[in-house]
């Protein structure tokens, strides 16, 4: 084999090895990124499970507030069509409001329940923020009576000191009906009442 051809073949083989190495390294980076995203999604689901547990146990003031972002002036809770609480002080007022509501419900024999289903969670590429949407069902006092409530919870998350926190929490009620009645009245012929 001529020296020029041998040298070209050596370069070609080195280039192929380099491509294979880069390809393997890229694949490993991609796999590690996907594993990190799966771990983040799992952490976010567990965070919202702790939030629901704090609602059920009326622990808004003790443990529930710690689930929210500490360092962000834009931390907020919004009940769409009702009110928005923004900032840590307002968030504390919301926790007090919800704790009092849960206490009234409990004394009145109303179950305190909040269940989340069918999550859709997306973590940003930088891994510091995420957005999620859950379907929600539960009970609440509305206009002097206990109602079953179904809707959506939209949540933005923020990573603080390596730990996920709730940044923005928005409730959107889709359906609400008194606990003592069915979803439909006696004479509505099956139409669902919308909240």
N, C-alpha and C. Protein backbone atom coordinates (compact mmCIF):
# COMPACT_ATOMS: atom_id res chain seq x y z
N UNK A 1 0.86 -1.17 0.00
CA UNK A 1 0.00 0.00 0.00
C UNK A 1 0.90 1.23 0.00
N UNK A 2 0.54 2.19 -0.81
CA UNK A 2 1.32 3.42 -0.92
C UNK A 2 1.22 4.19 0.38
N UNK A 3 2.30 4.92 0.75
CA UNK A 3 2.28 5.67 2.01
C UNK A 3 1.15 6.67 2.11
N UNK A 4 0.80 7.32 1.02
CA UNK A 4 -0.29 8.31 1.06
C UNK A 4 -1.62 7.63 1.33
N UNK A 5 -1.83 6.46 0.73
CA UNK A 5 -3.08 5.71 0.94
C UNK A 5 -3.13 5.19 2.36
N UNK A 6 -2.04 4.68 2.87
CA UNK A 6 -1.99 4.17 4.25
C UNK A 6 -2.27 5.29 5.23
N UNK A 7 -1.69 6.48 4.99
CA UNK A 7 -1.91 7.61 5.87
C UNK A 7 -3.39 8.04 5.83
N UNK A 8 -4.00 8.06 4.65
CA UNK A 8 -5.41 8.43 4.51
C UNK A 8 -6.29 7.43 5.24
N UNK A 9 -5.94 6.13 5.13
CA UNK A 9 -6.71 5.10 5.84
C UNK A 9 -6.58 5.26 7.35
N UNK A 10 -5.40 5.61 7.83
CA UNK A 10 -5.19 5.81 9.27
C UNK A 10 -6.03 6.99 9.77
N UNK A 11 -6.05 8.08 9.01
CA UNK A 11 -6.88 9.24 9.38
C UNK A 11 -8.35 8.87 9.38
N UNK A 12 -8.73 8.10 8.36
CA UNK A 12 -10.13 7.69 8.24
C UNK A 12 -10.54 6.85 9.44
N UNK A 13 -9.71 5.91 9.84
CA UNK A 13 -10.00 5.05 10.99
C UNK A 13 -10.05 5.88 12.27
N UNK A 14 -9.14 6.81 12.45
CA UNK A 14 -9.14 7.67 13.64
C UNK A 14 -10.40 8.53 13.68
N UNK A 15 -10.78 9.06 12.50
CA UNK A 15 -12.01 9.86 12.43
C UNK A 15 -13.23 9.03 12.79
N UNK A 16 -13.29 7.80 12.29
CA UNK A 16 -14.42 6.91 12.60
C UNK A 16 -14.49 6.62 14.09
N UNK A 17 -13.32 6.37 14.72
CA UNK A 17 -13.30 6.11 16.17
C UNK A 17 -13.76 7.34 16.94
N UNK A 18 -13.31 8.51 16.48
CA UNK A 18 -13.70 9.76 17.14
C UNK A 18 -15.21 9.96 17.02
N UNK A 19 -15.76 9.68 15.82
CA UNK A 19 -17.21 9.81 15.64
C UNK A 19 -17.97 8.84 16.53
N UNK A 20 -17.47 7.60 16.61
CA UNK A 20 -18.12 6.60 17.47
C UNK A 20 -18.05 7.03 18.93
N UNK A 21 -16.91 7.56 19.36
CA UNK A 21 -16.75 8.02 20.73
C UNK A 21 -17.68 9.18 21.01
N UNK A 22 -17.71 10.16 20.10
CA UNK A 22 -18.61 11.31 20.26
C UNK A 22 -20.06 10.85 20.28
N UNK A 23 -20.39 9.91 19.42
CA UNK A 23 -21.75 9.40 19.35
C UNK A 23 -22.13 8.71 20.66
N UNK A 24 -21.23 7.91 21.21
CA UNK A 24 -21.49 7.21 22.48
C UNK A 24 -21.60 8.22 23.63
N UNK A 25 -20.72 9.21 23.63
CA UNK A 25 -20.78 10.24 24.67
C UNK A 25 -22.08 11.04 24.58
N UNK A 26 -22.49 11.36 23.35
CA UNK A 26 -23.76 12.08 23.16
C UNK A 26 -24.94 11.24 23.64
N UNK A 27 -24.88 9.96 23.32
CA UNK A 27 -25.95 9.06 23.75
C UNK A 27 -26.02 8.96 25.27
N UNK A 28 -24.88 8.89 25.91
CA UNK A 28 -24.84 8.84 27.38
C UNK A 28 -25.39 10.14 27.97
N UNK A 29 -24.97 11.28 27.39
CA UNK A 29 -25.50 12.57 27.86
C UNK A 29 -27.01 12.64 27.71
N UNK A 30 -27.51 12.16 26.56
CA UNK A 30 -28.95 12.16 26.32
C UNK A 30 -29.67 11.27 27.32
N UNK A 31 -29.13 10.09 27.57
CA UNK A 31 -29.74 9.17 28.54
C UNK A 31 -29.73 9.77 29.95
N UNK A 32 -28.62 10.38 30.34
CA UNK A 32 -28.55 11.01 31.67
C UNK A 32 -29.56 12.15 31.79
N UNK A 33 -29.71 12.91 30.72
CA UNK A 33 -30.69 14.00 30.72
C UNK A 33 -32.11 13.46 30.86
N UNK A 34 -32.40 12.37 30.17
CA UNK A 34 -33.74 11.77 30.25
C UNK A 34 -34.00 11.19 31.64
N UNK A 35 -33.00 10.57 32.24
CA UNK A 35 -33.15 10.04 33.61
C UNK A 35 -33.39 11.19 34.58
N UNK A 36 -32.65 12.28 34.44
CA UNK A 36 -32.84 13.46 35.31
C UNK A 36 -34.26 14.01 35.18
N UNK A 37 -34.75 14.06 33.95
CA UNK A 37 -36.12 14.55 33.73
C UNK A 37 -37.14 13.63 34.39
N UNK A 38 -36.95 12.33 34.27
CA UNK A 38 -37.86 11.37 34.93
C UNK A 38 -37.80 11.53 36.45
N UNK A 39 -36.61 11.72 36.99
CA UNK A 39 -36.48 11.95 38.44
C UNK A 39 -37.18 13.25 38.84
N UNK A 40 -37.05 14.30 38.03
CA UNK A 40 -37.71 15.57 38.32
C UNK A 40 -39.23 15.40 38.31
N UNK A 41 -39.75 14.71 37.30
CA UNK A 41 -41.20 14.49 37.22
C UNK A 41 -41.69 13.74 38.45
N UNK A 42 -40.95 12.74 38.86
CA UNK A 42 -41.32 11.98 40.07
C UNK A 42 -41.30 12.89 41.31
N UNK A 43 -40.28 13.72 41.44
CA UNK A 43 -40.21 14.66 42.57
C UNK A 43 -41.38 15.62 42.56
N UNK A 44 -41.76 16.11 41.38
CA UNK A 44 -42.88 17.04 41.27
C UNK A 44 -44.19 16.37 41.65
N UNK A 45 -44.38 15.12 41.22
CA UNK A 45 -45.59 14.39 41.62
C UNK A 45 -45.63 14.19 43.14
N UNK A 46 -44.50 13.87 43.73
CA UNK A 46 -44.44 13.69 45.18
C UNK A 46 -44.69 15.01 45.91
N UNK A 47 -44.19 16.12 45.38
CA UNK A 47 -44.44 17.43 45.97
C UNK A 47 -45.94 17.72 45.99
N UNK A 48 -46.63 17.45 44.89
CA UNK A 48 -48.07 17.70 44.85
C UNK A 48 -48.83 16.71 45.73
N UNK A 49 -48.33 15.51 45.90
CA UNK A 49 -48.95 14.56 46.83
C UNK A 49 -48.84 15.09 48.26
N UNK A 50 -47.69 15.69 48.61
CA UNK A 50 -47.54 16.30 49.94
C UNK A 50 -48.48 17.50 50.09
N UNK A 51 -48.65 18.27 49.01
CA UNK A 51 -49.59 19.39 49.04
C UNK A 51 -51.01 18.88 49.35
N UNK A 52 -51.45 17.84 48.62
CA UNK A 52 -52.79 17.28 48.85
C UNK A 52 -52.92 16.74 50.27
N UNK A 53 -51.88 16.10 50.78
CA UNK A 53 -51.91 15.60 52.17
C UNK A 53 -52.03 16.75 53.15
N UNK A 54 -51.38 17.88 52.88
CA UNK A 54 -51.48 19.03 53.79
C UNK A 54 -52.89 19.61 53.75
N UNK A 55 -53.54 19.55 52.59
CA UNK A 55 -54.93 20.01 52.49
C UNK A 55 -55.83 19.10 53.32
N UNK A 56 -55.68 17.80 53.15
CA UNK A 56 -56.51 16.84 53.89
C UNK A 56 -56.32 16.95 55.40
N UNK A 57 -55.09 17.19 55.82
CA UNK A 57 -54.78 17.24 57.26
C UNK A 57 -54.90 18.65 57.83
N UNK A 58 -55.33 19.61 57.00
CA UNK A 58 -55.43 21.02 57.42
C UNK A 58 -54.12 21.52 57.99
N UNK A 59 -53.02 21.17 57.35
CA UNK A 59 -51.70 21.58 57.81
C UNK A 59 -51.13 22.69 56.94
N UNK A 60 -51.98 23.56 56.43
CA UNK A 60 -51.51 24.65 55.58
C UNK A 60 -50.48 25.50 56.30
N UNK A 61 -50.75 25.78 57.57
CA UNK A 61 -49.89 26.72 58.28
C UNK A 61 -48.60 26.08 58.76
N UNK A 62 -48.64 24.78 59.07
CA UNK A 62 -47.42 24.15 59.57
C UNK A 62 -46.54 23.65 58.43
N UNK A 63 -47.04 22.74 57.61
CA UNK A 63 -46.20 22.18 56.57
C UNK A 63 -46.50 22.65 55.17
N UNK A 64 -47.73 23.07 54.92
CA UNK A 64 -48.14 23.42 53.57
C UNK A 64 -47.40 24.61 52.99
N UNK A 65 -47.16 25.60 53.81
CA UNK A 65 -46.49 26.82 53.33
C UNK A 65 -45.06 26.53 52.88
N UNK A 66 -44.42 25.55 53.50
CA UNK A 66 -43.04 25.19 53.13
C UNK A 66 -42.94 24.56 51.74
N UNK A 67 -44.06 24.16 51.17
CA UNK A 67 -44.05 23.55 49.84
C UNK A 67 -43.91 24.61 48.74
N UNK A 68 -44.09 25.88 49.11
CA UNK A 68 -44.07 26.97 48.14
C UNK A 68 -42.70 27.64 48.11
N UNK A 69 -42.41 28.28 46.98
CA UNK A 69 -41.13 28.98 46.79
C UNK A 69 -40.94 30.04 47.87
N UNK A 70 -39.74 30.13 48.40
CA UNK A 70 -39.42 31.09 49.46
C UNK A 70 -38.84 32.38 48.91
N UNK A 71 -37.99 32.26 47.90
CA UNK A 71 -37.19 33.39 47.43
C UNK A 71 -37.84 34.18 46.30
N UNK A 72 -39.07 33.87 45.97
CA UNK A 72 -39.69 34.55 44.83
C UNK A 72 -40.82 35.46 45.28
N UNK A 73 -40.71 36.72 44.91
CA UNK A 73 -41.78 37.68 45.23
C UNK A 73 -43.01 37.40 44.39
N UNK A 74 -42.86 36.59 43.33
CA UNK A 74 -43.98 36.32 42.44
C UNK A 74 -44.70 35.01 42.76
N UNK A 75 -44.36 34.36 43.87
CA UNK A 75 -45.08 33.15 44.25
C UNK A 75 -46.55 33.52 44.42
N UNK A 76 -47.44 32.68 43.90
CA UNK A 76 -48.86 33.03 44.00
C UNK A 76 -49.77 31.82 43.93
N UNK A 77 -50.98 32.04 44.45
CA UNK A 77 -52.07 31.09 44.33
C UNK A 77 -53.24 31.88 43.76
N UNK A 78 -53.90 31.28 42.79
CA UNK A 78 -55.05 31.95 42.19
C UNK A 78 -56.20 30.97 42.08
N UNK A 79 -57.35 31.40 42.51
CA UNK A 79 -58.58 30.65 42.27
C UNK A 79 -59.29 31.41 41.18
N UNK A 80 -59.17 30.89 39.96
CA UNK A 80 -59.62 31.61 38.76
C UNK A 80 -61.09 32.00 38.93
N UNK A 81 -61.37 33.27 38.69
CA UNK A 81 -62.72 33.79 38.83
C UNK A 81 -63.04 34.25 40.24
N UNK A 82 -62.11 34.03 41.18
CA UNK A 82 -62.35 34.43 42.56
C UNK A 82 -61.31 35.44 43.04
N UNK A 83 -60.10 34.95 43.30
CA UNK A 83 -59.09 35.82 43.90
C UNK A 83 -57.69 35.31 43.61
N UNK A 84 -56.72 36.22 43.71
CA UNK A 84 -55.31 35.89 43.53
C UNK A 84 -54.55 36.37 44.76
N UNK A 85 -53.71 35.50 45.32
CA UNK A 85 -52.85 35.84 46.44
C UNK A 85 -51.42 35.80 45.92
N UNK A 86 -50.69 36.92 45.99
CA UNK A 86 -49.34 36.98 45.43
C UNK A 86 -48.35 37.47 46.48
N UNK A 87 -47.20 36.80 46.53
CA UNK A 87 -46.15 37.13 47.51
C UNK A 87 -46.31 36.27 48.76
N UNK A 88 -45.25 36.18 49.55
CA UNK A 88 -45.26 35.30 50.73
C UNK A 88 -46.30 35.71 51.78
N UNK A 89 -46.45 37.02 52.02
CA UNK A 89 -47.44 37.45 53.01
C UNK A 89 -48.86 37.10 52.59
N UNK A 90 -49.18 37.34 51.32
CA UNK A 90 -50.51 37.00 50.81
C UNK A 90 -50.71 35.49 50.83
N UNK A 91 -49.65 34.75 50.52
CA UNK A 91 -49.73 33.30 50.54
C UNK A 91 -50.04 32.81 51.95
N UNK A 92 -49.46 33.43 52.95
CA UNK A 92 -49.76 33.06 54.34
C UNK A 92 -51.23 33.33 54.65
N UNK A 93 -51.77 34.45 54.17
CA UNK A 93 -53.20 34.75 54.37
C UNK A 93 -54.07 33.69 53.70
N UNK A 94 -53.67 33.26 52.49
CA UNK A 94 -54.41 32.21 51.79
C UNK A 94 -54.38 30.92 52.61
N UNK A 95 -53.23 30.58 53.16
CA UNK A 95 -53.12 29.37 53.98
C UNK A 95 -54.05 29.47 55.20
N UNK A 96 -54.10 30.63 55.83
CA UNK A 96 -54.99 30.83 56.98
C UNK A 96 -56.45 30.69 56.54
N UNK A 97 -56.80 31.28 55.41
CA UNK A 97 -58.15 31.21 54.86
C UNK A 97 -58.53 29.76 54.60
N UNK A 98 -57.65 29.01 53.94
CA UNK A 98 -57.92 27.60 53.62
C UNK A 98 -57.96 26.73 54.88
N UNK A 99 -57.10 27.00 55.85
CA UNK A 99 -57.11 26.23 57.11
C UNK A 99 -58.43 26.46 57.84
N UNK A 100 -58.91 27.71 57.88
CA UNK A 100 -60.19 28.02 58.54
C UNK A 100 -61.33 27.33 57.81
N UNK A 101 -61.29 27.34 56.47
CA UNK A 101 -62.34 26.66 55.69
C UNK A 101 -62.34 25.16 55.98
N UNK A 102 -61.16 24.56 56.01
CA UNK A 102 -61.06 23.13 56.30
C UNK A 102 -61.57 22.81 57.69
N UNK A 103 -61.28 23.68 58.65
CA UNK A 103 -61.76 23.49 60.02
C UNK A 103 -63.29 23.56 60.07
N UNK A 104 -63.87 24.55 59.39
CA UNK A 104 -65.34 24.67 59.33
C UNK A 104 -65.95 23.43 58.68
N UNK A 105 -65.34 22.98 57.60
CA UNK A 105 -65.83 21.78 56.92
C UNK A 105 -65.80 20.57 57.85
N UNK A 106 -64.68 20.40 58.54
CA UNK A 106 -64.52 19.25 59.42
C UNK A 106 -65.55 19.28 60.55
N UNK A 107 -65.74 20.46 61.15
CA UNK A 107 -66.73 20.58 62.24
C UNK A 107 -68.14 20.31 61.73
N UNK A 108 -68.40 20.66 60.47
CA UNK A 108 -69.71 20.43 59.88
C UNK A 108 -69.87 19.04 59.30
N UNK A 109 -68.88 18.19 59.49
CA UNK A 109 -68.97 16.82 59.00
C UNK A 109 -68.67 16.68 57.51
N UNK A 110 -68.09 17.70 56.92
CA UNK A 110 -67.75 17.66 55.50
C UNK A 110 -66.37 17.06 55.33
N UNK A 111 -66.24 16.09 54.44
CA UNK A 111 -64.91 15.52 54.22
C UNK A 111 -63.98 16.56 53.60
N UNK A 112 -62.75 16.56 54.06
CA UNK A 112 -61.74 17.42 53.46
C UNK A 112 -60.93 16.53 52.53
N UNK A 113 -61.07 16.77 51.25
CA UNK A 113 -60.48 15.88 50.26
C UNK A 113 -60.01 16.67 49.05
N UNK A 114 -58.90 16.28 48.51
CA UNK A 114 -58.37 16.86 47.28
C UNK A 114 -57.57 15.77 46.60
N UNK A 115 -58.01 15.35 45.44
CA UNK A 115 -57.33 14.29 44.69
C UNK A 115 -56.94 14.79 43.31
N UNK A 116 -55.71 14.49 42.92
CA UNK A 116 -55.18 14.88 41.61
C UNK A 116 -55.04 13.64 40.74
N UNK A 117 -55.39 13.77 39.46
CA UNK A 117 -55.24 12.67 38.52
C UNK A 117 -54.73 13.20 37.19
N UNK A 118 -54.38 12.29 36.32
CA UNK A 118 -53.94 12.54 34.94
C UNK A 118 -52.96 13.71 34.80
N UNK A 119 -51.77 13.57 35.39
CA UNK A 119 -50.80 14.67 35.29
C UNK A 119 -50.19 14.81 33.89
N UNK A 120 -49.91 16.04 33.56
CA UNK A 120 -49.13 16.37 32.37
C UNK A 120 -48.03 17.31 32.86
N UNK A 121 -46.79 16.85 32.85
CA UNK A 121 -45.68 17.59 33.46
C UNK A 121 -44.57 17.79 32.44
N UNK A 122 -44.08 19.04 32.35
CA UNK A 122 -42.97 19.36 31.45
C UNK A 122 -41.91 20.13 32.22
N UNK A 123 -40.70 19.61 32.22
CA UNK A 123 -39.55 20.27 32.85
C UNK A 123 -38.80 21.02 31.77
N UNK A 124 -38.41 22.26 32.05
CA UNK A 124 -37.67 23.04 31.05
C UNK A 124 -36.29 22.43 30.82
N UNK A 125 -35.68 22.79 29.70
CA UNK A 125 -34.37 22.24 29.34
C UNK A 125 -33.31 22.54 30.39
N UNK A 126 -33.40 23.72 31.03
CA UNK A 126 -32.38 24.06 32.03
C UNK A 126 -32.61 23.35 33.36
N UNK A 127 -33.77 22.68 33.53
CA UNK A 127 -34.05 21.91 34.74
C UNK A 127 -34.35 22.75 35.97
N UNK A 128 -34.61 24.04 35.80
CA UNK A 128 -34.87 24.90 36.96
C UNK A 128 -36.32 25.30 37.12
N UNK A 129 -37.13 25.10 36.09
CA UNK A 129 -38.56 25.37 36.19
C UNK A 129 -39.32 24.24 35.51
N UNK A 130 -40.60 24.14 35.84
CA UNK A 130 -41.45 23.12 35.23
C UNK A 130 -42.89 23.62 35.27
N UNK A 131 -43.73 23.04 34.42
CA UNK A 131 -45.15 23.35 34.40
C UNK A 131 -45.91 22.03 34.40
N UNK A 132 -47.04 22.03 35.11
CA UNK A 132 -47.85 20.82 35.17
C UNK A 132 -49.33 21.17 35.18
N UNK A 133 -50.12 20.20 34.77
CA UNK A 133 -51.57 20.32 34.78
C UNK A 133 -52.13 19.02 35.32
N UNK A 134 -53.03 19.12 36.29
CA UNK A 134 -53.70 17.96 36.84
C UNK A 134 -55.20 18.17 36.78
N UNK A 135 -55.95 17.08 36.64
CA UNK A 135 -57.38 17.11 36.90
C UNK A 135 -57.53 16.97 38.40
N UNK A 136 -58.54 17.63 38.98
CA UNK A 136 -58.70 17.63 40.42
C UNK A 136 -60.16 17.38 40.78
N UNK A 137 -60.35 16.67 41.87
CA UNK A 137 -61.70 16.52 42.44
C UNK A 137 -61.58 16.66 43.94
N UNK A 138 -62.65 17.16 44.54
CA UNK A 138 -62.63 17.34 45.98
C UNK A 138 -63.94 17.92 46.47
N UNK A 139 -63.91 18.46 47.68
CA UNK A 139 -65.09 19.05 48.31
C UNK A 139 -64.74 20.43 48.81
N UNK A 140 -65.74 21.33 48.83
CA UNK A 140 -65.53 22.65 49.41
C UNK A 140 -66.87 23.27 49.76
N UNK A 141 -66.82 24.25 50.64
CA UNK A 141 -68.00 25.04 50.99
C UNK A 141 -68.18 26.10 49.92
N UNK A 142 -69.38 26.24 49.43
CA UNK A 142 -69.68 27.28 48.44
C UNK A 142 -71.12 27.72 48.65
N UNK A 143 -71.31 29.00 48.84
CA UNK A 143 -72.63 29.60 49.03
C UNK A 143 -73.39 28.86 50.13
N UNK A 144 -72.73 28.62 51.24
CA UNK A 144 -73.37 28.04 52.41
C UNK A 144 -73.67 26.56 52.34
N UNK A 145 -73.24 25.87 51.30
CA UNK A 145 -73.46 24.43 51.25
C UNK A 145 -72.20 23.72 50.78
N UNK A 146 -72.13 22.46 51.13
CA UNK A 146 -70.97 21.66 50.75
C UNK A 146 -71.16 21.18 49.32
N UNK A 147 -70.12 21.35 48.52
CA UNK A 147 -70.19 20.98 47.10
C UNK A 147 -69.06 20.04 46.72
N UNK A 148 -69.37 19.16 45.77
CA UNK A 148 -68.32 18.40 45.09
C UNK A 148 -67.76 19.32 44.02
N UNK A 149 -66.47 19.29 43.84
CA UNK A 149 -65.84 20.18 42.87
C UNK A 149 -64.91 19.36 41.98
N UNK A 150 -64.96 19.64 40.70
CA UNK A 150 -64.02 19.06 39.75
C UNK A 150 -63.45 20.19 38.90
N UNK A 151 -62.20 20.05 38.52
CA UNK A 151 -61.58 21.09 37.70
C UNK A 151 -60.15 20.74 37.35
N UNK A 152 -59.34 21.77 37.20
CA UNK A 152 -57.93 21.62 36.83
C UNK A 152 -57.08 22.44 37.79
N UNK A 153 -55.88 21.95 38.02
CA UNK A 153 -54.87 22.72 38.76
C UNK A 153 -53.68 22.88 37.83
N UNK A 154 -53.34 24.14 37.55
CA UNK A 154 -52.16 24.49 36.74
C UNK A 154 -51.07 24.90 37.74
N UNK A 155 -49.90 24.30 37.62
CA UNK A 155 -48.83 24.59 38.57
C UNK A 155 -47.52 24.87 37.83
N UNK A 156 -46.87 25.97 38.23
CA UNK A 156 -45.50 26.24 37.80
C UNK A 156 -44.61 25.94 39.00
N UNK A 157 -43.49 25.31 38.74
CA UNK A 157 -42.55 24.95 39.80
C UNK A 157 -41.23 25.67 39.58
N UNK A 158 -40.52 25.89 40.67
CA UNK A 158 -39.23 26.55 40.66
C UNK A 158 -38.28 25.73 41.53
N UNK A 159 -37.08 25.50 41.03
CA UNK A 159 -36.09 24.78 41.85
C UNK A 159 -35.33 25.80 42.70
N UNK A 160 -35.40 25.62 44.01
CA UNK A 160 -34.68 26.49 44.96
C UNK A 160 -33.71 25.64 45.76
N UNK A 161 -32.45 26.00 45.72
CA UNK A 161 -31.41 25.25 46.45
C UNK A 161 -31.50 23.75 46.17
N UNK A 162 -31.74 23.40 44.91
CA UNK A 162 -31.79 22.01 44.50
C UNK A 162 -33.09 21.28 44.82
N UNK A 163 -34.07 21.98 45.35
CA UNK A 163 -35.34 21.35 45.74
C UNK A 163 -36.50 22.02 45.01
N UNK A 164 -37.42 21.21 44.49
CA UNK A 164 -38.58 21.75 43.79
C UNK A 164 -39.55 22.39 44.76
N UNK A 165 -40.10 23.55 44.37
CA UNK A 165 -41.10 24.26 45.17
C UNK A 165 -42.23 24.70 44.23
N UNK A 166 -43.42 24.87 44.79
CA UNK A 166 -44.55 25.40 44.02
C UNK A 166 -44.33 26.90 43.86
N UNK A 167 -44.43 27.38 42.64
CA UNK A 167 -44.19 28.79 42.34
C UNK A 167 -45.52 29.49 42.07
N UNK A 168 -46.30 28.96 41.14
CA UNK A 168 -47.63 29.49 40.84
C UNK A 168 -48.61 28.32 40.87
N UNK A 169 -49.72 28.49 41.57
CA UNK A 169 -50.74 27.45 41.68
C UNK A 169 -52.07 28.08 41.32
N UNK A 170 -52.71 27.57 40.25
CA UNK A 170 -53.98 28.14 39.79
C UNK A 170 -55.05 27.05 39.75
N UNK A 171 -56.17 27.31 40.44
CA UNK A 171 -57.32 26.39 40.43
C UNK A 171 -58.32 26.88 39.41
N UNK A 172 -58.83 25.99 38.61
CA UNK A 172 -59.86 26.33 37.64
C UNK A 172 -61.00 25.34 37.81
N UNK A 173 -62.13 25.81 38.34
CA UNK A 173 -63.28 24.94 38.59
C UNK A 173 -64.04 24.72 37.29
N UNK A 174 -64.33 23.45 36.99
CA UNK A 174 -65.11 23.10 35.80
C UNK A 174 -66.55 22.77 36.17
N UNK A 175 -66.70 21.97 37.23
CA UNK A 175 -68.02 21.54 37.66
C UNK A 175 -68.13 21.66 39.17
N UNK A 176 -69.30 22.09 39.64
CA UNK A 176 -69.54 22.17 41.08
C UNK A 176 -71.01 21.83 41.32
N UNK A 177 -71.28 20.96 42.28
CA UNK A 177 -72.66 20.59 42.60
C UNK A 177 -72.78 20.34 44.09
N UNK A 178 -73.93 20.69 44.68
CA UNK A 178 -74.14 20.41 46.11
C UNK A 178 -73.94 18.92 46.41
N UNK A 179 -73.37 18.63 47.55
CA UNK A 179 -73.05 17.26 47.94
C UNK A 179 -74.30 16.39 48.03
N UNK A 180 -75.40 16.99 48.48
CA UNK A 180 -76.63 16.22 48.69
C UNK A 180 -77.37 15.90 47.41
N UNK A 181 -76.99 16.50 46.29
CA UNK A 181 -77.73 16.29 45.05
C UNK A 181 -76.87 15.55 44.04
N UNK A 182 -77.50 15.14 42.95
CA UNK A 182 -76.74 14.55 41.86
C UNK A 182 -76.15 15.68 41.03
N UNK A 183 -75.33 15.31 40.06
CA UNK A 183 -74.75 16.32 39.18
C UNK A 183 -75.82 17.03 38.36
N UNK A 184 -76.95 16.39 38.22
CA UNK A 184 -78.04 16.99 37.45
C UNK A 184 -79.29 17.08 38.31
N UNK A 185 -80.10 18.06 38.06
CA UNK A 185 -81.34 18.24 38.79
C UNK A 185 -82.41 17.27 38.32
N UNK A 186 -83.56 17.31 38.98
CA UNK A 186 -84.65 16.40 38.66
C UNK A 186 -85.20 16.63 37.25
N UNK A 187 -85.20 17.88 36.80
CA UNK A 187 -85.87 18.17 35.53
C UNK A 187 -84.93 18.67 34.44
N UNK A 188 -83.65 18.42 34.56
CA UNK A 188 -82.75 18.95 33.53
C UNK A 188 -82.43 17.94 32.44
N UNK A 189 -82.99 16.74 32.52
CA UNK A 189 -82.88 15.72 31.47
C UNK A 189 -81.43 15.40 31.11
N UNK A 190 -80.58 15.34 32.14
CA UNK A 190 -79.22 14.85 31.94
C UNK A 190 -78.17 15.89 31.61
N UNK A 191 -78.53 17.16 31.53
CA UNK A 191 -77.53 18.18 31.25
C UNK A 191 -76.69 18.42 32.52
N UNK A 192 -75.39 18.55 32.36
CA UNK A 192 -74.50 18.78 33.49
C UNK A 192 -74.48 20.25 33.84
N UNK A 193 -74.56 20.56 35.14
CA UNK A 193 -74.47 21.94 35.58
C UNK A 193 -73.01 22.35 35.56
N UNK A 194 -72.70 23.47 34.99
CA UNK A 194 -71.33 23.95 34.89
C UNK A 194 -71.11 25.03 35.94
N UNK A 195 -69.87 25.02 36.56
CA UNK A 195 -69.52 25.98 37.60
C UNK A 195 -68.94 27.23 37.07
